[in-house]
């Protein structure tokens, strides 16, 4: 798997875990804050943790999946 695809997938999985942990009751802004903090304090090698377009896309998908479950 390519580095970019792997980095994006890592962010996608992180968002999904957060949404499920909070039982779908978490805002997009809260997700952005959590991921931004993770990027600046732990994961500086993955810029997709602060990419708003990627975060918004996968947040919507995670919320849809959670609501369908």
Protein backbone atom coordinates (compact mmCIF):
# COMPACT_ATOMS: atom_id res chain seq x y z
CA UNK A 1 0.00 0.00 0.00
CA UNK A 2 1.30 3.47 -0.84
CA UNK A 3 2.33 5.86 1.90
CA UNK A 4 -0.39 8.38 1.07
CA UNK A 5 -3.13 5.78 1.00
CA UNK A 6 -1.89 4.31 4.28
CA UNK A 7 -1.75 7.75 5.93
CA UNK A 8 -5.30 8.59 4.81
CA UNK A 9 -6.54 5.18 5.97
CA UNK A 10 -4.95 5.78 9.37
CA UNK A 11 -6.92 9.02 9.72
CA UNK A 12 -10.11 7.33 8.51
CA UNK A 13 -9.77 4.59 11.12
CA UNK A 14 -9.04 7.14 13.85
CA UNK A 15 -12.17 9.14 12.96
CA UNK A 16 -14.29 6.00 12.92
CA UNK A 17 -12.99 4.95 16.34
CA UNK A 18 -13.76 8.38 17.79
CA UNK A 19 -17.28 8.48 16.35
CA UNK A 20 -18.06 5.00 17.69
CA UNK A 21 -16.49 5.77 21.08
CA UNK A 22 -18.75 8.82 21.44
CA UNK A 23 -21.73 6.84 20.09
CA UNK A 24 -22.12 9.25 17.17
CA UNK A 25 -22.62 12.24 19.47
CA UNK A 26 -19.53 14.26 18.54
CA UNK A 27 -19.25 17.29 16.30
CA UNK A 28 -16.98 17.78 13.33
CA UNK A 29 -15.20 20.59 15.19
CA UNK A 30 -14.48 18.26 18.11
CA UNK A 31 -13.06 15.66 15.73
CA UNK A 32 -10.85 18.31 14.12
CA UNK A 33 -9.57 19.41 17.53
CA UNK A 34 -8.79 15.87 18.63
CA UNK A 35 -6.94 15.08 15.41
CA UNK A 36 -5.09 18.40 15.41
CA UNK A 37 -3.85 17.74 18.93
CA UNK A 38 -2.84 14.21 18.01
CA UNK A 39 -0.90 15.56 15.02
CA UNK A 40 0.94 18.26 16.96
CA UNK A 41 1.71 16.11 20.00
CA UNK A 42 2.22 12.62 18.51
CA UNK A 43 1.78 12.04 14.77
CA UNK A 44 3.74 14.81 13.04
CA UNK A 45 4.58 12.41 10.22
CA UNK A 46 0.98 12.29 8.96
CA UNK A 47 -0.28 15.65 7.65
CA UNK A 48 -3.74 14.21 6.97
CA UNK A 49 -4.55 14.61 10.68
CA UNK A 50 -4.93 18.33 9.95
CA UNK A 51 -6.36 18.12 6.42
CA UNK A 52 -9.87 19.54 6.70
CA UNK A 53 -11.08 18.00 3.44
CA UNK A 54 -10.01 14.49 4.46
CA UNK A 55 -11.41 14.91 7.98
CA UNK A 56 -14.78 16.18 6.75
CA UNK A 57 -15.13 13.41 4.17
CA UNK A 58 -14.38 10.59 6.58
CA UNK A 59 -16.36 12.16 9.42
CA UNK A 60 -19.47 12.12 7.22
CA UNK A 61 -18.82 8.50 6.23
CA UNK A 62 -18.24 7.44 9.84
CA UNK A 63 -21.46 9.16 10.98
CA UNK A 64 -23.44 7.47 8.18
CA UNK A 65 -22.00 4.07 9.05
CA UNK A 66 -22.72 4.60 12.74
CA UNK A 67 -26.32 5.67 12.06
CA UNK A 68 -26.88 2.61 9.84
CA UNK A 69 -25.54 0.22 12.50
